[in-house]
Amino acid sequence: MEGKKKRKNNIWVIIIPIIIFIALIGAGAYALRDSLIPTDHTKTNSSDQPTKTSASNGYVEQKGEEATVGSTALVDDAGVPEWVKVPSKVNLDKFTDLSTNNITIYRINNPEVLKTVTNRTDQRMKMSEVIAKYPNALIMNASAFDMQTGQVAGFQINNGKLIQDWSPGTTTQYTFVINKDGSCKIYDSSTPASTIIKSGGQQAYDFGTAIIRDGKIQPSDGSVDWKIHIFIANDKDNNLYAILSDTNAGYDNIMKSVSNLKLQNMLLLDSGGSSQLSVNGKTIVASQDDRAVPDYIVMK
């Protein structure tokens, strides 16, 4: 009997190490499964994919060329704002309301255009103050600004003089430029300020992404979402457009609403609580908090 017990004990001495060895092999194979088994999953963080983040616009901006900074000197002040005539190929009513689908759209025909901001100090004004200066005009907020200091943000030209250059870095920036001859163009931060000014740039408005550029719809970067948004645009006949979307309008609804306007360029301007529009002294879209801003575009 004692011999049988010894043989049984000897068997377990052999079996237990084998079981442990097999378990270790299995665990190792499981840990290495991703490197041993090929997969065909597409990575979602490649350069051509928008990437979700916790940022306010929900996406990481696409990276581009290094911004061309320092090509020309900044001015301390551009002087008294000057009007620029923006001629159209057709004669229509000065201001035409084309609003639809909770999108406020005004077409402006053959206007003179003025940009209010002229320097980097705090030049904030309320809409009522601007209306008092220009009662027979369409007035819309334009470029963004620092809420603490009041300094205008982004690439800024007025009277053909550079107030503020592109921000350094590889995040692509855009500006809507009105030239001395009244033509309009969107530039990005790969173009130096000196080139823009030599090409006739008189006024530049900057905040967000280019929605339409040179007649082509640009890929959405996610910045046009459910919030209130405001845009400046021009069409093939060089009419200008003031476009404001209501809360929850969304990108698809905005693009559908402007699809028949034959727009050539469309740029996102400062939005949210800064969004405001008046026509001939009447408030069409009021700021949510009666916000004073430094940069307005005035069209008469």
C-alpha atoms as a PDB file:
ATOM      1  CA  MET A   1       0.000   0.000   0.000  1.00  0.00           C
ATOM      2  CA  GLU A   2       2.819   2.356   0.872  1.00  0.00           C
ATOM      3  CA  GLY A   3       4.379   1.724  -2.575  1.00  0.00           C
ATOM      4  CA  LYS A   4       1.144   2.685  -4.342  1.00  0.00           C
ATOM      5  CA  LYS A   5       0.875   5.928  -2.338  1.00  0.00           C
ATOM      6  CA  LYS A   6       4.446   6.821  -3.231  1.00  0.00           C
ATOM      7  CA  ARG A   7       3.755   6.225  -6.936  1.00  0.00           C
ATOM      8  CA  LYS A   8       0.629   8.464  -6.784  1.00  0.00           C
ATOM      9  CA  ASN A   9       2.606  11.219  -5.078  1.00  0.00           C
ATOM     10  CA  ASN A  10       5.321  10.930  -7.722  1.00  0.00           C
ATOM     11  CA  ILE A  11       2.711  11.307 -10.515  1.00  0.00           C
ATOM     12  CA  TRP A  12       1.387  14.577  -9.019  1.00  0.00           C
ATOM     13  CA  VAL A  13       4.939  15.844  -8.679  1.00  0.00           C
ATOM     14  CA  ILE A  14       5.243  15.443 -12.463  1.00  0.00           C
ATOM     15  CA  ILE A  15       1.721  16.629 -13.449  1.00  0.00           C
ATOM     16  CA  ILE A  16       1.632  19.873 -11.439  1.00  0.00           C
ATOM     17  CA  PRO A  17       4.766  21.419 -13.064  1.00  0.00           C
ATOM     18  CA  ILE A  18       3.394  20.451 -16.511  1.00  0.00           C
ATOM     19  CA  ILE A  19       0.080  22.225 -15.776  1.00  0.00           C
ATOM     20  CA  ILE A  20       1.920  25.330 -14.545  1.00  0.00           C
ATOM     21  CA  PHE A  21       4.157  25.310 -17.662  1.00  0.00           C
ATOM     22  CA  ILE A  22       1.140  25.058 -20.010  1.00  0.00           C
ATOM     23  CA  ALA A  23      -0.612  27.891 -18.137  1.00  0.00           C
ATOM     24  CA  LEU A  24       2.444  30.135 -18.489  1.00  0.00           C
ATOM     25  CA  ILE A  25       2.667  29.448 -22.237  1.00  0.00           C
ATOM     26  CA  GLY A  26      -1.031  30.306 -22.644  1.00  0.00           C
ATOM     27  CA  ALA A  27      -0.695  33.554 -20.702  1.00  0.00           C
ATOM     28  CA  GLY A  28       2.329  34.594 -22.748  1.00  0.00           C
ATOM     29  CA  ALA A  29       0.599  33.870 -26.031  1.00  0.00           C
ATOM     30  CA  TYR A  30      -2.428  35.954 -24.948  1.00  0.00           C
ATOM     31  CA  ALA A  31      -0.224  38.888 -23.991  1.00  0.00           C
ATOM     32  CA  LEU A  32       1.560  38.767 -27.365  1.00  0.00           C
ATOM     33  CA  ARG A  33      -1.573  38.236 -29.479  1.00  0.00           C
ATOM     34  CA  ASP A  34      -1.569  41.794 -30.961  1.00  0.00           C
ATOM     35  CA  SER A  35       1.989  41.442 -32.229  1.00  0.00           C
ATOM     36  CA  LEU A  36       1.553  37.890 -33.500  1.00  0.00           C
ATOM     37  CA  ILE A  37      -1.810  38.259 -35.247  1.00  0.00           C
ATOM     38  CA  PRO A  38      -2.002  40.771 -38.152  1.00  0.00           C
ATOM     39  CA  THR A  39      -4.930  43.198 -38.111  1.00  0.00           C
ATOM     40  CA  ASP A  40      -6.439  45.413 -40.788  1.00  0.00           C
ATOM     41  CA  HIS A  41      -7.997  48.030 -38.517  1.00  0.00           C
ATOM     42  CA  THR A  42      -7.662  51.612 -39.828  1.00  0.00           C
ATOM     43  CA  LYS A  43      -6.132  53.995 -37.325  1.00  0.00           C
ATOM     44  CA  THR A  44      -8.403  56.959 -36.597  1.00  0.00           C
ATOM     45  CA  ASN A  45      -5.647  59.367 -35.657  1.00  0.00           C
ATOM     46  CA  SER A  46      -4.003  59.600 -39.072  1.00  0.00           C
ATOM     47  CA  SER A  47      -3.385  63.044 -40.542  1.00  0.00           C
ATOM     48  CA  ASP A  48      -6.498  62.913 -42.741  1.00  0.00           C
ATOM     49  CA  GLN A  49      -8.916  62.108 -39.918  1.00  0.00           C
ATOM     50  CA  PRO A  50     -10.478  64.626 -37.502  1.00  0.00           C
ATOM     51  CA  THR A  51      -9.662  63.615 -33.951  1.00  0.00           C
ATOM     52  CA  LYS A  52     -12.118  64.063 -31.095  1.00  0.00           C
ATOM     53  CA  THR A  53     -10.793  65.989 -28.113  1.00  0.00           C
ATOM     54  CA  SER A  54     -12.087  67.814 -25.074  1.00  0.00           C
ATOM     55  CA  ALA A  55     -11.555  71.136 -26.830  1.00  0.00           C
ATOM     56  CA  SER A  56     -14.545  73.428 -27.277  1.00  0.00           C
ATOM     57  CA  ASN A  57     -14.851  72.668 -30.996  1.00  0.00           C
ATOM     58  CA  GLY A  58     -14.424  68.928 -30.450  1.00  0.00           C
ATOM     59  CA  TYR A  59     -11.625  68.437 -32.964  1.00  0.00           C
ATOM     60  CA  VAL A  60      -7.908  68.873 -33.402  1.00  0.00           C
ATOM     61  CA  GLU A  61      -7.065  71.319 -36.168  1.00  0.00           C
ATOM     62  CA  GLN A  62      -5.174  70.022 -39.174  1.00  0.00           C
ATOM     63  CA  LYS A  63      -1.515  71.024 -39.185  1.00  0.00           C
ATOM     64  CA  GLY A  64      -0.077  72.890 -42.161  1.00  0.00           C
ATOM     65  CA  GLU A  65       3.012  74.831 -43.121  1.00  0.00           C
ATOM     66  CA  GLU A  66       4.812  77.027 -40.621  1.00  0.00           C
ATOM     67  CA  ALA A  67       3.134  80.443 -40.522  1.00  0.00           C
ATOM     68  CA  THR A  68       5.104  83.100 -42.393  1.00  0.00           C
ATOM     69  CA  VAL A  69       5.644  85.738 -39.734  1.00  0.00           C
ATOM     70  CA  GLY A  70       7.686  88.949 -39.807  1.00  0.00           C
ATOM     71  CA  SER A  71       7.595  89.764 -43.518  1.00  0.00           C
ATOM     72  CA  THR A  72       6.615  93.375 -42.873  1.00  0.00           C
ATOM     73  CA  ALA A  73       6.589  95.730 -39.904  1.00  0.00           C
ATOM     74  CA  LEU A  74       3.502  96.256 -37.754  1.00  0.00           C
ATOM     75  CA  VAL A  75       2.029  99.732 -37.372  1.00  0.00           C
ATOM     76  CA  ASP A  76       0.990 101.147 -34.006  1.00  0.00           C
ATOM     77  CA  ASP A  77      -2.165 102.543 -35.587  1.00  0.00           C
ATOM     78  CA  ALA A  78      -3.577 102.307 -39.117  1.00  0.00           C
ATOM     79  CA  GLY A  79      -5.200 105.745 -38.905  1.00  0.00           C
ATOM     80  CA  VAL A  80      -8.810 106.781 -39.469  1.00  0.00           C
ATOM     81  CA  PRO A  81     -10.719 103.845 -41.032  1.00  0.00           C
ATOM     82  CA  GLU A  82     -11.226 104.291 -44.766  1.00  0.00           C
ATOM     83  CA  TRP A  83     -14.092 103.039 -46.923  1.00  0.00           C
ATOM     84  CA  VAL A  84     -13.376 100.531 -49.693  1.00  0.00           C
ATOM     85  CA  LYS A  85     -15.798 100.226 -52.607  1.00  0.00           C
ATOM     86  CA  VAL A  86     -16.732  96.602 -53.386  1.00  0.00           C
ATOM     87  CA  PRO A  87     -18.230  96.681 -56.903  1.00  0.00           C
ATOM     88  CA  SER A  88     -20.567  93.947 -58.081  1.00  0.00           C
ATOM     89  CA  LYS A  89     -21.132  92.770 -61.646  1.00  0.00           C
ATOM     90  CA  VAL A  90     -24.894  93.327 -61.215  1.00  0.00           C
ATOM     91  CA  ASN A  91     -27.087  96.082 -59.782  1.00  0.00           C
ATOM     92  CA  LEU A  92     -29.493  94.887 -57.085  1.00  0.00           C
ATOM     93  CA  ASP A  93     -31.068  96.266 -53.915  1.00  0.00           C
ATOM     94  CA  LYS A  94     -28.411  97.381 -51.437  1.00  0.00           C
ATOM     95  CA  PHE A  95     -29.521  94.962 -48.701  1.00  0.00           C
ATOM     96  CA  THR A  96     -31.600  91.851 -49.464  1.00  0.00           C
ATOM     97  CA  ASP A  97     -32.881  89.498 -46.768  1.00  0.00           C
ATOM     98  CA  LEU A  98     -32.445  85.889 -47.977  1.00  0.00           C
ATOM     99  CA  SER A  99     -32.885  84.239 -44.572  1.00  0.00           C
ATOM    100  CA  THR A 100     -34.031  80.608 -44.421  1.00  0.00           C
ATOM    101  CA  ASN A 101     -33.988  77.567 -42.099  1.00  0.00           C
ATOM    102  CA  ASN A 102     -32.979  79.577 -38.992  1.00  0.00           C
ATOM    103  CA  ILE A 103     -30.053  81.026 -40.955  1.00  0.00           C
ATOM    104  CA  THR A 104     -29.998  84.831 -41.226  1.00  0.00           C
ATOM    105  CA  ILE A 105     -28.601  85.774 -44.643  1.00  0.00           C
ATOM    106  CA  TYR A 106     -28.211  89.289 -46.025  1.00  0.00           C
ATOM    107  CA  ARG A 107     -26.835  89.992 -49.489  1.00  0.00           C
ATOM    108  CA  ILE A 108     -25.063  93.340 -49.834  1.00  0.00           C
ATOM    109  CA  ASN A 109     -24.779  94.797 -53.348  1.00  0.00           C
ATOM    110  CA  ASN A 110     -22.159  97.363 -54.431  1.00  0.00           C
ATOM    111  CA  PRO A 111     -21.345  98.550 -50.903  1.00  0.00           C
ATOM    112  CA  GLU A 112     -18.634 100.694 -49.447  1.00  0.00           C
ATOM    113  CA  VAL A 113     -16.994  98.765 -46.620  1.00  0.00           C
ATOM    114  CA  LEU A 114     -15.292  99.980 -43.452  1.00  0.00           C
ATOM    115  CA  LYS A 115     -13.364  98.050 -40.789  1.00  0.00           C
ATOM    116  CA  THR A 116     -13.499  99.610 -37.321  1.00  0.00           C
ATOM    117  CA  VAL A 117     -10.396  98.283 -35.526  1.00  0.00           C
ATOM    118  CA  THR A 118      -7.196 100.222 -36.232  1.00  0.00           C
ATOM    119  CA  ASN A 119      -4.733  99.183 -33.507  1.00  0.00           C
ATOM    120  CA  ARG A 120      -3.916  96.657 -30.768  1.00  0.00           C
ATOM    121  CA  THR A 121      -5.356  98.651 -27.857  1.00  0.00           C
ATOM    122  CA  ASP A 122      -8.813  98.121 -26.367  1.00  0.00           C
ATOM    123  CA  GLN A 123     -11.170  99.538 -29.025  1.00  0.00           C
ATOM    124  CA  ARG A 124     -14.325  97.742 -27.919  1.00  0.00           C
ATOM    125  CA  MET A 125     -17.663  99.335 -28.767  1.00  0.00           C
ATOM    126  CA  LYS A 126     -21.241  98.218 -28.303  1.00  0.00           C
ATOM    127  CA  MET A 127     -23.433  97.817 -31.365  1.00  0.00           C
ATOM    128  CA  SER A 128     -25.494 100.854 -30.321  1.00  0.00           C
ATOM    129  CA  GLU A 129     -22.356 103.029 -30.479  1.00  0.00           C
ATOM    130  CA  VAL A 130     -21.522 101.818 -33.982  1.00  0.00           C
ATOM    131  CA  ILE A 131     -25.113 102.348 -35.152  1.00  0.00           C
ATOM    132  CA  ALA A 132     -24.926 105.930 -33.857  1.00  0.00           C
ATOM    133  CA  LYS A 133     -21.873 106.505 -36.075  1.00  0.00           C
ATOM    134  CA  TYR A 134     -23.229 104.675 -39.135  1.00  0.00           C
ATOM    135  CA  PRO A 135     -27.067 104.655 -38.961  1.00  0.00           C
ATOM    136  CA  ASN A 136     -27.701 103.795 -42.618  1.00  0.00           C
ATOM    137  CA  ALA A 137     -25.536 100.709 -42.874  1.00  0.00           C
ATOM    138  CA  LEU A 138     -25.377  96.982 -42.308  1.00  0.00           C
ATOM    139  CA  ILE A 139     -23.132  96.339 -39.309  1.00  0.00           C
ATOM    140  CA  MET A 140     -21.802  92.961 -38.175  1.00  0.00           C
ATOM    141  CA  ASN A 141     -19.176  91.923 -35.638  1.00  0.00           C
ATOM    142  CA  ALA A 142     -16.033  90.504 -37.236  1.00  0.00           C
ATOM    143  CA  SER A 143     -12.687  89.389 -35.775  1.00  0.00           C
ATOM    144  CA  ALA A 144     -12.165  87.771 -32.377  1.00  0.00           C
ATOM    145  CA  PHE A 145     -10.470  89.471 -29.428  1.00  0.00           C
ATOM    146  CA  ASP A 146      -9.009  88.921 -25.971  1.00  0.00           C
ATOM    147  CA  MET A 147     -11.876  89.183 -23.477  1.00  0.00           C
ATOM    148  CA  GLN A 148      -9.513  90.464 -20.758  1.00  0.00           C
ATOM    149  CA  THR A 149      -7.525  93.097 -22.653  1.00  0.00           C
ATOM    150  CA  GLY A 150      -9.863  93.886 -25.548  1.00  0.00           C
ATOM    151  CA  GLN A 151      -7.023  93.457 -28.059  1.00  0.00           C
ATOM    152  CA  VAL A 152      -8.134  92.170 -31.439  1.00  0.00           C
ATOM    153  CA  ALA A 153      -6.925  88.659 -32.282  1.00  0.00           C
ATOM    154  CA  GLY A 154      -5.606  87.110 -35.464  1.00  0.00           C
ATOM    155  CA  PHE A 155      -4.250  88.512 -38.726  1.00  0.00           C
ATOM    156  CA  GLN A 156      -5.352  92.142 -39.114  1.00  0.00           C
ATOM    157  CA  ILE A 157      -4.967  94.703 -41.888  1.00  0.00           C
ATOM    158  CA  ASN A 158      -6.734  98.061 -42.132  1.00  0.00           C
ATOM    159  CA  ASN A 159      -6.097 100.867 -44.617  1.00  0.00           C
ATOM    160  CA  GLY A 160      -3.543  98.566 -46.258  1.00  0.00           C
ATOM    161  CA  LYS A 161      -1.378  98.524 -43.103  1.00  0.00           C
ATOM    162  CA  LEU A 162      -0.486  95.507 -40.965  1.00  0.00           C
ATOM    163  CA  ILE A 163      -1.893  95.804 -37.450  1.00  0.00           C
ATOM    164  CA  GLN A 164      -1.217  92.202 -36.415  1.00  0.00           C
ATOM    165  CA  ASP A 165       0.623  89.334 -38.130  1.00  0.00           C
ATOM    166  CA  TRP A 166      -0.101  85.616 -38.284  1.00  0.00           C
ATOM    167  CA  SER A 167       0.426  83.722 -35.011  1.00  0.00           C
ATOM    168  CA  PRO A 168       3.593  81.563 -35.110  1.00  0.00           C
ATOM    169  CA  GLY A 169       3.078  77.805 -35.467  1.00  0.00           C
ATOM    170  CA  THR A 170       1.854  75.150 -37.869  1.00  0.00           C
ATOM    171  CA  THR A 171      -1.886  75.391 -37.223  1.00  0.00           C
ATOM    172  CA  THR A 172      -3.344  76.785 -40.459  1.00  0.00           C
ATOM    173  CA  GLN A 173      -4.957  80.223 -40.055  1.00  0.00           C
ATOM    174  CA  TYR A 174      -7.221  82.026 -42.519  1.00  0.00           C
ATOM    175  CA  THR A 175      -8.177  85.613 -43.255  1.00  0.00           C
ATOM    176  CA  PHE A 176     -10.851  87.192 -45.481  1.00  0.00           C
ATOM    177  CA  VAL A 177      -9.241  90.071 -47.384  1.00  0.00           C
ATOM    178  CA  ILE A 178     -10.911  92.941 -49.215  1.00  0.00           C
ATOM    179  CA  ASN A 179      -8.510  94.420 -51.749  1.00  0.00           C
ATOM    180  CA  LYS A 180      -8.135  98.020 -52.860  1.00  0.00           C
ATOM    181  CA  ASP A 181     -10.043  97.271 -56.085  1.00  0.00           C
ATOM    182  CA  GLY A 182     -12.904  95.691 -54.106  1.00  0.00           C
ATOM    183  CA  SER A 183     -12.093  92.085 -54.986  1.00  0.00           C
ATOM    184  CA  CYS A 184     -12.171  89.532 -52.165  1.00  0.00           C
ATOM    185  CA  LYS A 185      -9.902  86.612 -51.344  1.00  0.00           C
ATOM    186  CA  ILE A 186      -9.199  84.173 -48.508  1.00  0.00           C
ATOM    187  CA  TYR A 187      -5.519  83.720 -47.677  1.00  0.00           C
ATOM    188  CA  ASP A 188      -3.953  81.225 -45.290  1.00  0.00           C
ATOM    189  CA  SER A 189      -0.954  81.626 -43.000  1.00  0.00           C
ATOM    190  CA  SER A 190       1.492  80.261 -45.587  1.00  0.00           C
ATOM    191  CA  THR A 191       1.204  83.602 -47.425  1.00  0.00           C
ATOM    192  CA  PRO A 192       3.262  86.422 -45.886  1.00  0.00           C
ATOM    193  CA  ALA A 193       1.615  89.707 -44.987  1.00  0.00           C
ATOM    194  CA  SER A 194       3.911  91.554 -47.400  1.00  0.00           C
ATOM    195  CA  THR A 195       2.496  89.555 -50.332  1.00  0.00           C
ATOM    196  CA  ILE A 196      -1.107  90.172 -49.240  1.00  0.00           C
ATOM    197  CA  ILE A 197      -0.522  93.921 -48.968  1.00  0.00           C
ATOM    198  CA  LYS A 198       1.412  94.111 -52.261  1.00  0.00           C
ATOM    199  CA  SER A 199      -1.511  92.292 -53.906  1.00  0.00           C
ATOM    200  CA  GLY A 200      -3.826  95.089 -52.803  1.00  0.00           C
ATOM    201  CA  GLY A 201      -5.015  93.968 -49.363  1.00  0.00           C
ATOM    202  CA  GLN A 202      -6.815  96.865 -47.649  1.00  0.00           C
ATOM    203  CA  GLN A 203      -8.855  95.105 -44.965  1.00  0.00           C
ATOM    204  CA  ALA A 204      -8.388  91.676 -43.368  1.00  0.00           C
ATOM    205  CA  TYR A 205     -10.810  89.852 -41.070  1.00  0.00           C
ATOM    206  CA  ASP A 206      -9.680  86.817 -39.098  1.00  0.00           C
ATOM    207  CA  PHE A 207     -11.107  84.284 -36.686  1.00  0.00           C
ATOM    208  CA  GLY A 208     -11.859  80.775 -37.881  1.00  0.00           C
ATOM    209  CA  THR A 209     -11.740  78.316 -40.711  1.00  0.00           C
ATOM    210  CA  ALA A 210     -12.421  78.797 -44.415  1.00  0.00           C
ATOM    211  CA  ILE A 211     -15.775  77.174 -45.235  1.00  0.00           C
ATOM    212  CA  ILE A 212     -15.609  77.928 -48.978  1.00  0.00           C
ATOM    213  CA  ARG A 213     -12.438  79.073 -50.723  1.00  0.00           C
ATOM    214  CA  ASP A 214     -12.042  80.004 -54.398  1.00  0.00           C
ATOM    215  CA  GLY A 215     -15.441  78.454 -55.104  1.00  0.00           C
ATOM    216  CA  LYS A 216     -14.631  75.109 -53.456  1.00  0.00           C
ATOM    217  CA  ILE A 217     -16.195  73.785 -50.254  1.00  0.00           C
ATOM    218  CA  GLN A 218     -13.419  72.987 -47.776  1.00  0.00           C
ATOM    219  CA  PRO A 219     -13.396  69.871 -45.543  1.00  0.00           C
ATOM    220  CA  SER A 220     -15.147  70.534 -42.237  1.00  0.00           C
ATOM    221  CA  ASP A 221     -12.804  70.735 -39.252  1.00  0.00           C
ATOM    222  CA  GLY A 222     -15.667  70.439 -36.771  1.00  0.00           C
ATOM    223  CA  SER A 223     -15.542  74.061 -35.601  1.00  0.00           C
ATOM    224  CA  VAL A 224     -18.952  74.842 -37.142  1.00  0.00           C
ATOM    225  CA  ASP A 225     -21.233  73.027 -34.717  1.00  0.00           C
ATOM    226  CA  TRP A 226     -24.495  73.614 -32.800  1.00  0.00           C
ATOM    227  CA  LYS A 227     -23.467  77.051 -31.480  1.00  0.00           C
ATOM    228  CA  ILE A 228     -24.364  80.435 -32.941  1.00  0.00           C
ATOM    229  CA  HIS A 229     -21.977  81.218 -35.811  1.00  0.00           C
ATOM    230  CA  ILE A 230     -21.320  84.194 -38.052  1.00  0.00           C
ATOM    231  CA  PHE A 231     -19.711  84.302 -41.508  1.00  0.00           C
ATOM    232  CA  ILE A 232     -18.535  86.774 -44.149  1.00  0.00           C
ATOM    233  CA  ALA A 233     -18.790  85.694 -47.802  1.00  0.00           C
ATOM    234  CA  ASN A 234     -18.769  86.874 -51.397  1.00  0.00           C
ATOM    235  CA  ASP A 235     -20.291  85.340 -54.534  1.00  0.00           C
ATOM    236  CA  LYS A 236     -19.311  85.088 -58.210  1.00  0.00           C
ATOM    237  CA  ASP A 237     -20.746  88.548 -58.910  1.00  0.00           C
ATOM    238  CA  ASN A 238     -18.815  89.945 -55.910  1.00  0.00           C
ATOM    239  CA  ASN A 239     -21.865  90.619 -53.776  1.00  0.00           C
ATOM    240  CA  LEU A 240     -20.994  90.400 -50.085  1.00  0.00           C
ATOM    241  CA  TYR A 241     -22.970  88.300 -47.588  1.00  0.00           C
ATOM    242  CA  ALA A 242     -23.525  88.535 -43.846  1.00  0.00           C
ATOM    243  CA  ILE A 243     -24.550  85.080 -42.600  1.00  0.00           C
ATOM    244  CA  LEU A 244     -25.552  84.161 -39.034  1.00  0.00           C
ATOM    245  CA  SER A 245     -26.703  80.732 -37.879  1.00  0.00           C
ATOM    246  CA  ASP A 246     -28.996  80.249 -34.892  1.00  0.00           C
ATOM    247  CA  THR A 247     -28.282  77.826 -32.051  1.00  0.00           C
ATOM    248  CA  ASN A 248     -28.570  74.191 -33.171  1.00  0.00           C
ATOM    249  CA  ALA A 249     -28.543  75.088 -36.881  1.00  0.00           C
ATOM    250  CA  GLY A 250     -25.515  72.864 -37.484  1.00  0.00           C
ATOM    251  CA  TYR A 251     -23.025  72.563 -40.335  1.00  0.00           C
ATOM    252  CA  ASP A 252     -25.233  70.598 -42.759  1.00  0.00           C
ATOM    253  CA  ASN A 253     -28.150  73.015 -42.443  1.00  0.00           C
ATOM    254  CA  ILE A 254     -25.859  76.013 -42.931  1.00  0.00           C
ATOM    255  CA  MET A 255     -24.302  74.552 -46.068  1.00  0.00           C
ATOM    256  CA  LYS A 256     -27.718  73.625 -47.467  1.00  0.00           C
ATOM    257  CA  SER A 257     -28.970  77.170 -46.867  1.00  0.00           C
ATOM    258  CA  VAL A 258     -26.124  78.773 -48.858  1.00  0.00           C
ATOM    259  CA  SER A 259     -25.870  76.109 -51.566  1.00  0.00           C
ATOM    260  CA  ASN A 260     -27.686  78.168 -54.229  1.00  0.00           C
ATOM    261  CA  LEU A 261     -25.838  81.447 -53.618  1.00  0.00           C
ATOM    262  CA  LYS A 262     -22.798  80.606 -55.801  1.00  0.00           C
ATOM    263  CA  LEU A 263     -20.430  81.674 -53.047  1.00  0.00           C
ATOM    264  CA  GLN A 264     -16.745  82.013 -53.888  1.00  0.00           C
ATOM    265  CA  ASN A 265     -15.402  82.551 -50.379  1.00  0.00           C
ATOM    266  CA  MET A 266     -16.911  82.078 -46.923  1.00  0.00           C
ATOM    267  CA  LEU A 267     -15.025  82.536 -43.653  1.00  0.00           C
ATOM    268  CA  LEU A 268     -16.075  81.856 -40.070  1.00  0.00           C
ATOM    269  CA  LEU A 269     -15.904  85.011 -37.937  1.00  0.00           C
ATOM    270  CA  ASP A 270     -16.119  85.529 -34.163  1.00  0.00           C
ATOM    271  CA  SER A 271     -19.239  83.711 -33.011  1.00  0.00           C
ATOM    272  CA  GLY A 272     -21.200  82.790 -29.886  1.00  0.00           C
ATOM    273  CA  GLY A 273     -22.036  85.740 -27.640  1.00  0.00           C
ATOM    274  CA  SER A 274     -20.200  88.169 -29.925  1.00  0.00           C
ATOM    275  CA  SER A 275     -22.563  87.467 -32.852  1.00  0.00           C
ATOM    276  CA  GLN A 276     -24.651  90.536 -33.711  1.00  0.00           C
ATOM    277  CA  LEU A 277     -26.121  92.198 -36.791  1.00  0.00           C
ATOM    278  CA  SER A 278     -27.992  95.409 -37.491  1.00  0.00           C
ATOM    279  CA  VAL A 279     -29.418  96.836 -40.726  1.00  0.00           C
ATOM    280  CA  ASN A 280     -30.255 100.529 -41.163  1.00  0.00           C
ATOM    281  CA  GLY A 281     -30.286 101.080 -37.408  1.00  0.00           C
ATOM    282  CA  LYS A 282     -32.518  98.090 -36.645  1.00  0.00           C
ATOM    283  CA  THR A 283     -31.161  95.177 -34.617  1.00  0.00           C
ATOM    284  CA  ILE A 284     -31.593  91.934 -36.568  1.00  0.00           C
ATOM    285  CA  VAL A 285     -29.542  89.655 -34.314  1.00  0.00           C
ATOM    286  CA  ALA A 286     -28.658  90.957 -30.855  1.00  0.00           C
ATOM    287  CA  SER A 287     -25.626  89.903 -28.854  1.00  0.00           C
ATOM    288  CA  GLN A 288     -26.630  87.510 -26.083  1.00  0.00           C
ATOM    289  CA  ASP A 289     -25.033  89.774 -23.464  1.00  0.00           C
ATOM    290  CA  ASP A 290     -24.898  93.146 -25.276  1.00  0.00           C
ATOM    291  CA  ARG A 291     -21.215  92.473 -25.806  1.00  0.00           C
ATOM    292  CA  ALA A 292     -18.826  95.222 -26.818  1.00  0.00           C
ATOM    293  CA  VAL A 293     -16.317  94.086 -29.463  1.00  0.00           C
ATOM    294  CA  PRO A 294     -13.399  95.907 -31.140  1.00  0.00           C
ATOM    295  CA  ASP A 295     -13.876  94.886 -34.766  1.00  0.00           C
ATOM    296  CA  TYR A 296     -17.008  95.473 -36.827  1.00  0.00           C
ATOM    297  CA  ILE A 297     -17.495  95.330 -40.573  1.00  0.00           C
ATOM    298  CA  VAL A 298     -19.699  98.220 -41.730  1.00  0.00           C
ATOM    299  CA  MET A 299     -21.312  98.191 -45.187  1.00  0.00           C
ATOM    300  CA  LYS A 300     -23.270 101.071 -46.713  1.00  0.00           C
END
